[in-house]
Amino acid sequence: MSDNPFSPENLALAELLNQFLALSDDQDNAGRIIFRGPNGEYIGEAKLSPRDVETATEALTSVNAYRADMEEAGLVADTLPAVDKADVNEVVTAFESLLANGGEQL
């Protein structure tokens, strides 16, 4: 028997709930988000601080803009592109170099 209390259909919702729960440990309460399955079964809920609401809104706005841009270009936007740590480090290093040179590219 599985230790997972969720049906396969509700597991994705439980994973999304966990992402909301992991946003921060801020104690300010701006609201709650409640997850229910397709048949109304309770999955769980998360208390969101003002910072959590802002962070989640910014992230979802970015995803929606990305998907709209992809669809406008006639491409499928099923998943976000994968970004690894080396890519991020390369961009940060290039930006730091740009700033160190007074904004002039080498």
PDB file of N, CA and C in Angstrom:
ATOM      1  N   MET A   1       0.839  -1.193   0.000  1.00  0.00           N
ATOM      2  CA  MET A   1       0.000   0.000   0.000  1.00  0.00           C
ATOM      3  C   MET A   1       0.875   1.244   0.000  1.00  0.00           C
ATOM      4  N   SER A   2       0.487   2.245  -0.756  1.00  0.00           N
ATOM      5  CA  SER A   2       1.251   3.475  -0.888  1.00  0.00           C
ATOM      6  C   SER A   2       1.061   4.369   0.329  1.00  0.00           C
ATOM      7  N   ASP A   3       2.122   5.110   0.675  1.00  0.00           N
ATOM      8  CA  ASP A   3       2.035   6.088   1.758  1.00  0.00           C
ATOM      9  C   ASP A   3       1.393   7.387   1.287  1.00  0.00           C
ATOM     10  N   ASN A   4       1.149   7.489  -0.010  1.00  0.00           N
ATOM     11  CA  ASN A   4       0.584   8.689  -0.590  1.00  0.00           C
ATOM     12  C   ASN A   4      -0.938   8.674  -0.426  1.00  0.00           C
ATOM     13  N   PRO A   5      -1.495   9.683   0.297  1.00  0.00           N
ATOM     14  CA  PRO A   5      -2.943   9.703   0.504  1.00  0.00           C
ATOM     15  C   PRO A   5      -3.734  10.233  -0.682  1.00  0.00           C
ATOM     16  N   PHE A   6      -3.054  10.687  -1.735  1.00  0.00           N
ATOM     17  CA  PHE A   6      -3.737  11.309  -2.860  1.00  0.00           C
ATOM     18  C   PHE A   6      -3.875  10.353  -4.030  1.00  0.00           C
ATOM     19  N   SER A   7      -4.982  10.495  -4.716  1.00  0.00           N
ATOM     20  CA  SER A   7      -5.169   9.747  -5.947  1.00  0.00           C
ATOM     21  C   SER A   7      -4.223  10.327  -6.994  1.00  0.00           C
ATOM     22  N   PRO A   8      -3.951   9.583  -8.051  1.00  0.00           N
ATOM     23  CA  PRO A   8      -3.089  10.129  -9.104  1.00  0.00           C
ATOM     24  C   PRO A   8      -3.623  11.452  -9.662  1.00  0.00           C
ATOM     25  N   GLU A   9      -4.929  11.583  -9.723  1.00  0.00           N
ATOM     26  CA  GLU A   9      -5.526  12.809 -10.245  1.00  0.00           C
ATOM     27  C   GLU A   9      -5.260  14.006  -9.333  1.00  0.00           C
ATOM     28  N   ASN A  10      -5.184  13.756  -8.030  1.00  0.00           N
ATOM     29  CA  ASN A  10      -5.016  14.848  -7.075  1.00  0.00           C
ATOM     30  C   ASN A  10      -3.561  15.097  -6.700  1.00  0.00           C
ATOM     31  N   LEU A  11      -2.669  14.230  -7.117  1.00  0.00           N
ATOM     32  CA  LEU A  11      -1.264  14.369  -6.748  1.00  0.00           C
ATOM     33  C   LEU A  11      -0.667  15.665  -7.289  1.00  0.00           C
ATOM     34  N   ALA A  12      -1.002  16.040  -8.516  1.00  0.00           N
ATOM     35  CA  ALA A  12      -0.478  17.291  -9.083  1.00  0.00           C
ATOM     36  C   ALA A  12      -0.945  18.492  -8.264  1.00  0.00           C
ATOM     37  N   LEU A  13      -2.183  18.459  -7.794  1.00  0.00           N
ATOM     38  CA  LEU A  13      -2.676  19.551  -6.948  1.00  0.00           C
ATOM     39  C   LEU A  13      -1.939  19.587  -5.621  1.00  0.00           C
ATOM     40  N   ALA A  14      -1.659  18.426  -5.052  1.00  0.00           N
ATOM     41  CA  ALA A  14      -0.911  18.361  -3.798  1.00  0.00           C
ATOM     42  C   ALA A  14       0.506  18.901  -3.991  1.00  0.00           C
ATOM     43  N   GLU A  15       1.113  18.599  -5.127  1.00  0.00           N
ATOM     44  CA  GLU A  15       2.447  19.131  -5.411  1.00  0.00           C
ATOM     45  C   GLU A  15       2.418  20.648  -5.566  1.00  0.00           C
ATOM     46  N   LEU A  16       1.383  21.173  -6.225  1.00  0.00           N
ATOM     47  CA  LEU A  16       1.237  22.622  -6.358  1.00  0.00           C
ATOM     48  C   LEU A  16       1.029  23.259  -4.985  1.00  0.00           C
ATOM     49  N   LEU A  17       0.215  22.654  -4.159  1.00  0.00           N
ATOM     50  CA  LEU A  17       0.007  23.151  -2.801  1.00  0.00           C
ATOM     51  C   LEU A  17       1.338  23.204  -2.058  1.00  0.00           C
ATOM     52  N   ASN A  18       2.158  22.184  -2.188  1.00  0.00           N
ATOM     53  CA  ASN A  18       3.461  22.175  -1.518  1.00  0.00           C
ATOM     54  C   ASN A  18       4.336  23.330  -1.971  1.00  0.00           C
ATOM     55  N   GLN A  19       4.233  23.715  -3.234  1.00  0.00           N
ATOM     56  CA  GLN A  19       5.005  24.857  -3.718  1.00  0.00           C
ATOM     57  C   GLN A  19       4.525  26.150  -3.056  1.00  0.00           C
ATOM     58  N   PHE A  20       3.235  26.298  -2.873  1.00  0.00           N
ATOM     59  CA  PHE A  20       2.721  27.477  -2.175  1.00  0.00           C
ATOM     60  C   PHE A  20       3.167  27.472  -0.718  1.00  0.00           C
ATOM     61  N   LEU A  21       3.141  26.303  -0.093  1.00  0.00           N
ATOM     62  CA  LEU A  21       3.561  26.206   1.303  1.00  0.00           C
ATOM     63  C   LEU A  21       5.042  26.536   1.465  1.00  0.00           C
ATOM     64  N   ALA A  22       5.828  26.284   0.443  1.00  0.00           N
ATOM     65  CA  ALA A  22       7.272  26.508   0.514  1.00  0.00           C
ATOM     66  C   ALA A  22       7.676  27.940   0.150  1.00  0.00           C
ATOM     67  N   LEU A  23       6.728  28.788  -0.221  1.00  0.00           N
ATOM     68  CA  LEU A  23       7.079  30.150  -0.627  1.00  0.00           C
ATOM     69  C   LEU A  23       7.859  30.890   0.452  1.00  0.00           C
ATOM     70  N   SER A  24       7.366  30.875   1.666  1.00  0.00           N
ATOM     71  CA  SER A  24       8.061  31.566   2.755  1.00  0.00           C
ATOM     72  C   SER A  24       7.472  31.118   4.079  1.00  0.00           C
ATOM     73  N   ASP A  25       8.128  31.543   5.134  1.00  0.00           N
ATOM     74  CA  ASP A  25       7.584  31.274   6.465  1.00  0.00           C
ATOM     75  C   ASP A  25       7.086  32.562   7.118  1.00  0.00           C
ATOM     76  N   ASP A  26       6.785  33.564   6.268  1.00  0.00           N
ATOM     77  CA  ASP A  26       6.232  34.823   6.771  1.00  0.00           C
ATOM     78  C   ASP A  26       4.963  34.532   7.564  1.00  0.00           C
ATOM     79  N   GLN A  27       4.787  35.249   8.651  1.00  0.00           N
ATOM     80  CA  GLN A  27       3.613  35.037   9.490  1.00  0.00           C
ATOM     81  C   GLN A  27       2.469  36.000   9.189  1.00  0.00           C
ATOM     82  N   ASP A  28       2.738  37.046   8.376  1.00  0.00           N
ATOM     83  CA  ASP A  28       1.659  37.955   7.986  1.00  0.00           C
ATOM     84  C   ASP A  28       0.666  37.190   7.124  1.00  0.00           C
ATOM     85  N   ASN A  29      -0.609  37.444   7.332  1.00  0.00           N
ATOM     86  CA  ASN A  29      -1.640  36.718   6.607  1.00  0.00           C
ATOM     87  C   ASN A  29      -2.383  37.650   5.671  1.00  0.00           C
ATOM     88  N   ALA A  30      -2.153  37.461   4.351  1.00  0.00           N
ATOM     89  CA  ALA A  30      -2.875  38.250   3.352  1.00  0.00           C
ATOM     90  C   ALA A  30      -4.062  37.473   2.802  1.00  0.00           C
ATOM     91  N   GLY A  31      -4.064  36.181   3.057  1.00  0.00           N
ATOM     92  CA  GLY A  31      -5.156  35.355   2.561  1.00  0.00           C
ATOM     93  C   GLY A  31      -4.783  33.892   2.560  1.00  0.00           C
ATOM     94  N   ARG A  32      -5.713  33.081   2.116  1.00  0.00           N
ATOM     95  CA  ARG A  32      -5.502  31.638   2.027  1.00  0.00           C
ATOM     96  C   ARG A  32      -5.879  31.164   0.646  1.00  0.00           C
ATOM     97  N   ILE A  33      -5.199  30.120   0.230  1.00  0.00           N
ATOM     98  CA  ILE A  33      -5.561  29.464  -1.009  1.00  0.00           C
ATOM     99  C   ILE A  33      -5.931  28.028  -0.638  1.00  0.00           C
ATOM    100  N   ILE A  34      -7.087  27.600  -1.097  1.00  0.00           N
ATOM    101  CA  ILE A  34      -7.602  26.268  -0.763  1.00  0.00           C
ATOM    102  C   ILE A  34      -7.664  25.443  -2.035  1.00  0.00           C
ATOM    103  N   PHE A  35      -7.128  24.239  -1.957  1.00  0.00           N
ATOM    104  CA  PHE A  35      -7.135  23.340  -3.104  1.00  0.00           C
ATOM    105  C   PHE A  35      -8.163  22.246  -2.896  1.00  0.00           C
ATOM    106  N   ARG A  36      -8.982  22.060  -3.907  1.00  0.00           N
ATOM    107  CA  ARG A  36      -9.969  20.985  -3.933  1.00  0.00           C
ATOM    108  C   ARG A  36      -9.805  20.233  -5.239  1.00  0.00           C
ATOM    109  N   GLY A  37     -10.029  18.945  -5.166  1.00  0.00           N
ATOM    110  CA  GLY A  37      -9.930  18.109  -6.353  1.00  0.00           C
ATOM    111  C   GLY A  37     -11.090  18.342  -7.296  1.00  0.00           C
ATOM    112  N   PRO A  38     -11.055  17.674  -8.446  1.00  0.00           N
ATOM    113  CA  PRO A  38     -12.105  17.879  -9.445  1.00  0.00           C
ATOM    114  C   PRO A  38     -13.500  17.502  -8.958  1.00  0.00           C
ATOM    115  N   ASN A  39     -13.567  16.646  -7.948  1.00  0.00           N
ATOM    116  CA  ASN A  39     -14.871  16.253  -7.395  1.00  0.00           C
ATOM    117  C   ASN A  39     -15.179  16.955  -6.082  1.00  0.00           C
ATOM    118  N   GLY A  40     -14.409  17.999  -5.770  1.00  0.00           N
ATOM    119  CA  GLY A  40     -14.654  18.777  -4.563  1.00  0.00           C
ATOM    120  C   GLY A  40     -13.943  18.281  -3.328  1.00  0.00           C
ATOM    121  N   GLU A  41     -13.175  17.206  -3.430  1.00  0.00           N
ATOM    122  CA  GLU A  41     -12.484  16.690  -2.255  1.00  0.00           C
ATOM    123  C   GLU A  41     -11.378  17.646  -1.818  1.00  0.00           C
ATOM    124  N   TYR A  42     -11.251  17.816  -0.519  1.00  0.00           N
ATOM    125  CA  TYR A  42     -10.278  18.733   0.068  1.00  0.00           C
ATOM    126  C   TYR A  42      -8.875  18.161  -0.098  1.00  0.00           C
ATOM    127  N   ILE A  43      -7.973  18.976  -0.665  1.00  0.00           N
ATOM    128  CA  ILE A  43      -6.579  18.588  -0.829  1.00  0.00           C
ATOM    129  C   ILE A  43      -5.747  19.231   0.274  1.00  0.00           C
ATOM    130  N   GLY A  44      -5.981  20.507   0.512  1.00  0.00           N
ATOM    131  CA  GLY A  44      -5.244  21.231   1.549  1.00  0.00           C
ATOM    132  C   GLY A  44      -5.349  22.725   1.309  1.00  0.00           C
ATOM    133  N   GLU A  45      -4.673  23.488   2.174  1.00  0.00           N
ATOM    134  CA  GLU A  45      -4.703  24.931   2.040  1.00  0.00           C
ATOM    135  C   GLU A  45      -3.386  25.519   2.508  1.00  0.00           C
ATOM    136  N   ALA A  46      -3.126  26.734   2.061  1.00  0.00           N
ATOM    137  CA  ALA A  46      -1.910  27.433   2.439  1.00  0.00           C
ATOM    138  C   ALA A  46      -2.249  28.866   2.806  1.00  0.00           C
ATOM    139  N   LYS A  47      -1.669  29.324   3.898  1.00  0.00           N
ATOM    140  CA  LYS A  47      -1.778  30.726   4.282  1.00  0.00           C
ATOM    141  C   LYS A  47      -0.714  31.480   3.499  1.00  0.00           C
ATOM    142  N   LEU A  48      -1.087  32.609   2.920  1.00  0.00           N
ATOM    143  CA  LEU A  48      -0.162  33.395   2.115  1.00  0.00           C
ATOM    144  C   LEU A  48       0.056  34.768   2.727  1.00  0.00           C
ATOM    145  N   SER A  49       1.316  35.143   2.856  1.00  0.00           N
ATOM    146  CA  SER A  49       1.651  36.489   3.323  1.00  0.00           C
ATOM    147  C   SER A  49       1.559  37.443   2.137  1.00  0.00           C
ATOM    148  N   PRO A  50       1.581  38.742   2.385  1.00  0.00           N
ATOM    149  CA  PRO A  50       1.590  39.679   1.257  1.00  0.00           C
ATOM    150  C   PRO A  50       2.754  39.400   0.303  1.00  0.00           C
ATOM    151  N   ARG A  51       3.917  39.061   0.848  1.00  0.00           N
ATOM    152  CA  ARG A  51       5.077  38.745   0.013  1.00  0.00           C
ATOM    153  C   ARG A  51       4.823  37.496  -0.819  1.00  0.00           C
ATOM    154  N   ASP A  52       4.173  36.490  -0.232  1.00  0.00           N
ATOM    155  CA  ASP A  52       3.842  35.266  -0.970  1.00  0.00           C
ATOM    156  C   ASP A  52       2.901  35.570  -2.131  1.00  0.00           C
ATOM    157  N   VAL A  53       1.904  36.389  -1.881  1.00  0.00           N
ATOM    158  CA  VAL A  53       0.937  36.751  -2.919  1.00  0.00           C
ATOM    159  C   VAL A  53       1.653  37.467  -4.060  1.00  0.00           C
ATOM    160  N   GLU A  54       2.534  38.408  -3.709  1.00  0.00           N
ATOM    161  CA  GLU A  54       3.279  39.144  -4.731  1.00  0.00           C
ATOM    162  C   GLU A  54       4.181  38.205  -5.528  1.00  0.00           C
ATOM    163  N   THR A  55       4.888  37.317  -4.836  1.00  0.00           N
ATOM    164  CA  THR A  55       5.800  36.383  -5.499  1.00  0.00           C
ATOM    165  C   THR A  55       5.048  35.449  -6.440  1.00  0.00           C
ATOM    166  N   ALA A  56       3.961  34.871  -5.954  1.00  0.00           N
ATOM    167  CA  ALA A  56       3.178  33.938  -6.778  1.00  0.00           C
ATOM    168  C   ALA A  56       2.567  34.658  -7.978  1.00  0.00           C
ATOM    169  N   THR A  57       2.084  35.871  -7.765  1.00  0.00           N
ATOM    170  CA  THR A  57       1.496  36.643  -8.860  1.00  0.00           C
ATOM    171  C   THR A  57       2.542  36.954  -9.923  1.00  0.00           C
ATOM    172  N   GLU A  58       3.736  37.376  -9.494  1.00  0.00           N
ATOM    173  CA  GLU A  58       4.811  37.669 -10.447  1.00  0.00           C
ATOM    174  C   GLU A  58       5.201  36.419 -11.234  1.00  0.00           C
ATOM    175  N   ALA A  59       5.318  35.289 -10.536  1.00  0.00           N
ATOM    176  CA  ALA A  59       5.713  34.048 -11.206  1.00  0.00           C
ATOM    177  C   ALA A  59       4.663  33.616 -12.223  1.00  0.00           C
ATOM    178  N   LEU A  60       3.403  33.642 -11.837  1.00  0.00           N
ATOM    179  CA  LEU A  60       2.344  33.236 -12.754  1.00  0.00           C
ATOM    180  C   LEU A  60       2.189  34.221 -13.907  1.00  0.00           C
ATOM    181  N   THR A  61       2.394  35.499 -13.648  1.00  0.00           N
ATOM    182  CA  THR A  61       2.348  36.493 -14.721  1.00  0.00           C
ATOM    183  C   THR A  61       3.441  36.213 -15.743  1.00  0.00           C
ATOM    184  N   SER A  62       4.631  35.868 -15.264  1.00  0.00           N
ATOM    185  CA  SER A  62       5.745  35.543 -16.167  1.00  0.00           C
ATOM    186  C   SER A  62       5.441  34.305 -17.002  1.00  0.00           C
ATOM    187  N   VAL A  63       4.900  33.275 -16.363  1.00  0.00           N
ATOM    188  CA  VAL A  63       4.558  32.051 -17.089  1.00  0.00           C
ATOM    189  C   VAL A  63       3.504  32.336 -18.140  1.00  0.00           C
ATOM    190  N   ASN A  64       2.482  33.086 -17.772  1.00  0.00           N
ATOM    191  CA  ASN A  64       1.418  33.397 -18.725  1.00  0.00           C
ATOM    192  C   ASN A  64       1.929  34.243 -19.886  1.00  0.00           C
ATOM    193  N   ALA A  65       2.819  35.183 -19.614  1.00  0.00           N
ATOM    194  CA  ALA A  65       3.399  35.999 -20.685  1.00  0.00           C
ATOM    195  C   ALA A  65       4.249  35.130 -21.613  1.00  0.00           C
ATOM    196  N   TYR A  66       5.022  34.233 -21.025  1.00  0.00           N
ATOM    197  CA  TYR A  66       5.849  33.312 -21.824  1.00  0.00           C
ATOM    198  C   TYR A  66       4.967  32.462 -22.732  1.00  0.00           C
ATOM    199  N   ARG A  67       3.917  31.895 -22.174  1.00  0.00           N
ATOM    200  CA  ARG A  67       3.017  31.058 -22.973  1.00  0.00           C
ATOM    201  C   ARG A  67       2.344  31.858 -24.083  1.00  0.00           C
ATOM    202  N   ALA A  68       1.922  33.073 -23.768  1.00  0.00           N
ATOM    203  CA  ALA A  68       1.290  33.911 -24.790  1.00  0.00           C
ATOM    204  C   ALA A  68       2.276  34.234 -25.910  1.00  0.00           C
ATOM    205  N   ASP A  69       3.511  34.540 -25.547  1.00  0.00           N
ATOM    206  CA  ASP A  69       4.537  34.813 -26.565  1.00  0.00           C
ATOM    207  C   ASP A  69       4.792  33.589 -27.430  1.00  0.00           C
ATOM    208  N   MET A  70       4.866  32.420 -26.812  1.00  0.00           N
ATOM    209  CA  MET A  70       5.109  31.182 -27.561  1.00  0.00           C
ATOM    210  C   MET A  70       3.946  30.902 -28.506  1.00  0.00           C
ATOM    211  N   GLU A  71       2.728  31.050 -28.009  1.00  0.00           N
ATOM    212  CA  GLU A  71       1.559  30.798 -28.849  1.00  0.00           C
ATOM    213  C   GLU A  71       1.472  31.807 -29.991  1.00  0.00           C
ATOM    214  N   GLU A  72       1.819  33.055 -29.718  1.00  0.00           N
ATOM    215  CA  GLU A  72       1.807  34.081 -30.760  1.00  0.00           C
ATOM    216  C   GLU A  72       2.814  33.743 -31.858  1.00  0.00           C
ATOM    217  N   ALA A  73       3.917  33.096 -31.454  1.00  0.00           N
ATOM    218  CA  ALA A  73       4.945  32.694 -32.419  1.00  0.00           C
ATOM    219  C   ALA A  73       4.600  31.363 -33.088  1.00  0.00           C
ATOM    220  N   GLY A  74       3.457  30.785 -32.726  1.00  0.00           N
ATOM    221  CA  GLY A  74       3.033  29.516 -33.313  1.00  0.00           C
ATOM    222  C   GLY A  74       3.730  28.305 -32.725  1.00  0.00           C
ATOM    223  N   LEU A  75       4.297  28.463 -31.537  1.00  0.00           N
ATOM    224  CA  LEU A  75       5.006  27.362 -30.878  1.00  0.00           C
ATOM    225  C   LEU A  75       4.185  26.815 -29.725  1.00  0.00           C
ATOM    226  N   VAL A  76       4.446  25.585 -29.360  1.00  0.00           N
ATOM    227  CA  VAL A  76       3.756  24.952 -28.240  1.00  0.00           C
ATOM    228  C   VAL A  76       4.467  25.351 -26.944  1.00  0.00           C
ATOM    229  N   ALA A  77       3.708  25.791 -25.980  1.00  0.00           N
ATOM    230  CA  ALA A  77       4.278  26.245 -24.709  1.00  0.00           C
ATOM    231  C   ALA A  77       3.858  25.326 -23.572  1.00  0.00           C
ATOM    232  N   ASP A  78       4.045  24.017 -23.763  1.00  0.00           N
ATOM    233  CA  ASP A  78       3.635  23.065 -22.733  1.00  0.00           C
ATOM    234  C   ASP A  78       4.489  23.150 -21.472  1.00  0.00           C
ATOM    235  N   THR A  79       5.778  23.376 -21.647  1.00  0.00           N
ATOM    236  CA  THR A  79       6.671  23.424 -20.490  1.00  0.00           C
ATOM    237  C   THR A  79       7.579  24.640 -20.587  1.00  0.00           C
ATOM    238  N   LEU A  80       8.097  25.037 -19.459  1.00  0.00           N
ATOM    239  CA  LEU A  80       9.065  26.126 -19.434  1.00  0.00           C
ATOM    240  C   LEU A  80      10.436  25.578 -19.800  1.00  0.00           C
ATOM    241  N   PRO A  81      11.278  26.407 -20.404  1.00  0.00           N
ATOM    242  CA  PRO A  81      12.617  25.921 -20.722  1.00  0.00           C
ATOM    243  C   PRO A  81      13.398  25.633 -19.445  1.00  0.00           C
ATOM    244  N   ALA A  82      14.206  24.595 -19.498  1.00  0.00           N
ATOM    245  CA  ALA A  82      15.034  24.239 -18.341  1.00  0.00           C
ATOM    246  C   ALA A  82      16.226  25.184 -18.266  1.00  0.00           C
ATOM    247  N   VAL A  83      16.510  25.645 -17.084  1.00  0.00           N
ATOM    248  CA  VAL A  83      17.666  26.505 -16.862  1.00  0.00           C
ATOM    249  C   VAL A  83      18.505  25.851 -15.785  1.00  0.00           C
ATOM    250  N   ASP A  84      19.768  25.617 -16.107  1.00  0.00           N
ATOM    251  CA  ASP A  84      20.612  24.993 -15.096  1.00  0.00           C
ATOM    252  C   ASP A  84      21.490  26.037 -14.427  1.00  0.00           C
ATOM    253  N   LYS A  85      22.142  25.632 -13.351  1.00  0.00           N
ATOM    254  CA  LYS A  85      22.942  26.546 -12.549  1.00  0.00           C
ATOM    255  C   LYS A  85      24.074  27.158 -13.362  1.00  0.00           C
ATOM    256  N   ALA A  86      24.676  26.388 -14.268  1.00  0.00           N
ATOM    257  CA  ALA A  86      25.768  26.913 -15.090  1.00  0.00           C
ATOM    258  C   ALA A  86      25.281  28.065 -15.963  1.00  0.00           C
ATOM    259  N   ASP A  87      24.065  27.949 -16.518  1.00  0.00           N
ATOM    260  CA  ASP A  87      23.497  29.034 -17.325  1.00  0.00           C
ATOM    261  C   ASP A  87      23.305  30.290 -16.486  1.00  0.00           C
ATOM    262  N   VAL A  88      22.779  30.110 -15.307  1.00  0.00           N
ATOM    263  CA  VAL A  88      22.538  31.250 -14.422  1.00  0.00           C
ATOM    264  C   VAL A  88      23.867  31.897 -14.038  1.00  0.00           C
ATOM    265  N   ASN A  89      24.840  31.086 -13.673  1.00  0.00           N
ATOM    266  CA  ASN A  89      26.148  31.620 -13.288  1.00  0.00           C
ATOM    267  C   ASN A  89      26.792  32.387 -14.439  1.00  0.00           C
ATOM    268  N   GLU A  90      26.645  31.888 -15.655  1.00  0.00           N
ATOM    269  CA  GLU A  90      27.205  32.552 -16.831  1.00  0.00           C
ATOM    270  C   GLU A  90      26.565  33.925 -17.038  1.00  0.00           C
ATOM    271  N   VAL A  91      25.267  33.999 -16.890  1.00  0.00           N
ATOM    272  CA  VAL A  91      24.565  35.278 -17.048  1.00  0.00           C
ATOM    273  C   VAL A  91      24.972  36.251 -15.948  1.00  0.00           C
ATOM    274  N   VAL A  92      25.053  35.773 -14.719  1.00  0.00           N
ATOM    275  CA  VAL A  92      25.438  36.636 -13.600  1.00  0.00           C
ATOM    276  C   VAL A  92      26.863  37.150 -13.796  1.00  0.00           C
ATOM    277  N   THR A  93      27.777  36.276 -14.196  1.00  0.00           N
ATOM    278  CA  THR A  93      29.160  36.682 -14.431  1.00  0.00           C
ATOM    279  C   THR A  93      29.248  37.737 -15.531  1.00  0.00           C
ATOM    280  N   ALA A  94      28.517  37.532 -16.611  1.00  0.00           N
ATOM    281  CA  ALA A  94      28.518  38.505 -17.710  1.00  0.00           C
ATOM    282  C   ALA A  94      27.945  39.843 -17.251  1.00  0.00           C
ATOM    283  N   PHE A  95      26.897  39.808 -16.445  1.00  0.00           N
ATOM    284  CA  PHE A  95      26.289  41.043 -15.966  1.00  0.00           C
ATOM    285  C   PHE A  95      27.233  41.776 -15.011  1.00  0.00           C
ATOM    286  N   GLU A  96      27.898  41.020 -14.127  1.00  0.00           N
ATOM    287  CA  GLU A  96      28.866  41.628 -13.209  1.00  0.00           C
ATOM    288  C   GLU A  96      30.006  42.272 -13.985  1.00  0.00           C
ATOM    289  N   SER A  97      30.457  41.624 -15.051  1.00  0.00           N
ATOM    290  CA  SER A  97      31.516  42.167 -15.894  1.00  0.00           C
ATOM    291  C   SER A  97      31.052  43.452 -16.566  1.00  0.00           C
ATOM    292  N   LEU A  98      29.831  43.448 -17.042  1.00  0.00           N
ATOM    293  CA  LEU A  98      29.259  44.630 -17.677  1.00  0.00           C
ATOM    294  C   LEU A  98      29.214  45.795 -16.695  1.00  0.00           C
ATOM    295  N   LEU A  99      28.771  45.520 -15.469  1.00  0.00           N
ATOM    296  CA  LEU A  99      28.706  46.574 -14.457  1.00  0.00           C
ATOM    297  C   LEU A  99      30.097  47.073 -14.076  1.00  0.00           C
ATOM    298  N   ALA A 100      31.059  46.158 -13.988  1.00  0.00           N
ATOM    299  CA  ALA A 100      32.424  46.525 -13.624  1.00  0.00           C
ATOM    300  C   ALA A 100      33.063  47.410 -14.690  1.00  0.00           C
ATOM    301  N   ASN A 101      32.618  47.284 -15.919  1.00  0.00           N
ATOM    302  CA  ASN A 101      33.170  48.080 -17.017  1.00  0.00           C
ATOM    303  C   ASN A 101      32.329  49.328 -17.298  1.00  0.00           C
ATOM    304  N   GLY A 102      31.579  49.750 -16.339  1.00  0.00           N
ATOM    305  CA  GLY A 102      30.790  50.960 -16.497  1.00  0.00           C
ATOM    306  C   GLY A 102      29.665  50.837 -17.498  1.00  0.00           C
ATOM    307  N   GLY A 103      29.195  49.615 -17.729  1.00  0.00           N
ATOM    308  CA  GLY A 103      28.093  49.398 -18.663  1.00  0.00           C
ATOM    309  C   GLY A 103      28.525  49.200 -20.096  1.00  0.00           C
ATOM    310  N   GLU A 104      29.832  49.186 -20.336  1.00  0.00           N
ATOM    311  CA  GLU A 104      30.338  48.981 -21.699  1.00  0.00           C
ATOM    312  C   GLU A 104      30.655  47.519 -21.910  1.00  0.00           C
ATOM    313  N   GLN A 105      30.191  46.990 -23.027  1.00  0.00           N
ATOM    314  CA  GLN A 105      30.490  45.601 -23.342  1.00  0.00           C
ATOM    315  C   GLN A 105      31.904  45.497 -23.867  1.00  0.00           C
ATOM    316  N   LEU A 106      32.546  44.388 -23.518  1.00  0.00           N
ATOM    317  CA  LEU A 106      33.925  44.156 -24.002  1.00  0.00           C
ATOM    318  C   LEU A 106      33.912  43.563 -25.365  1.00  0.00           C
TER     319      LEU A 106
END
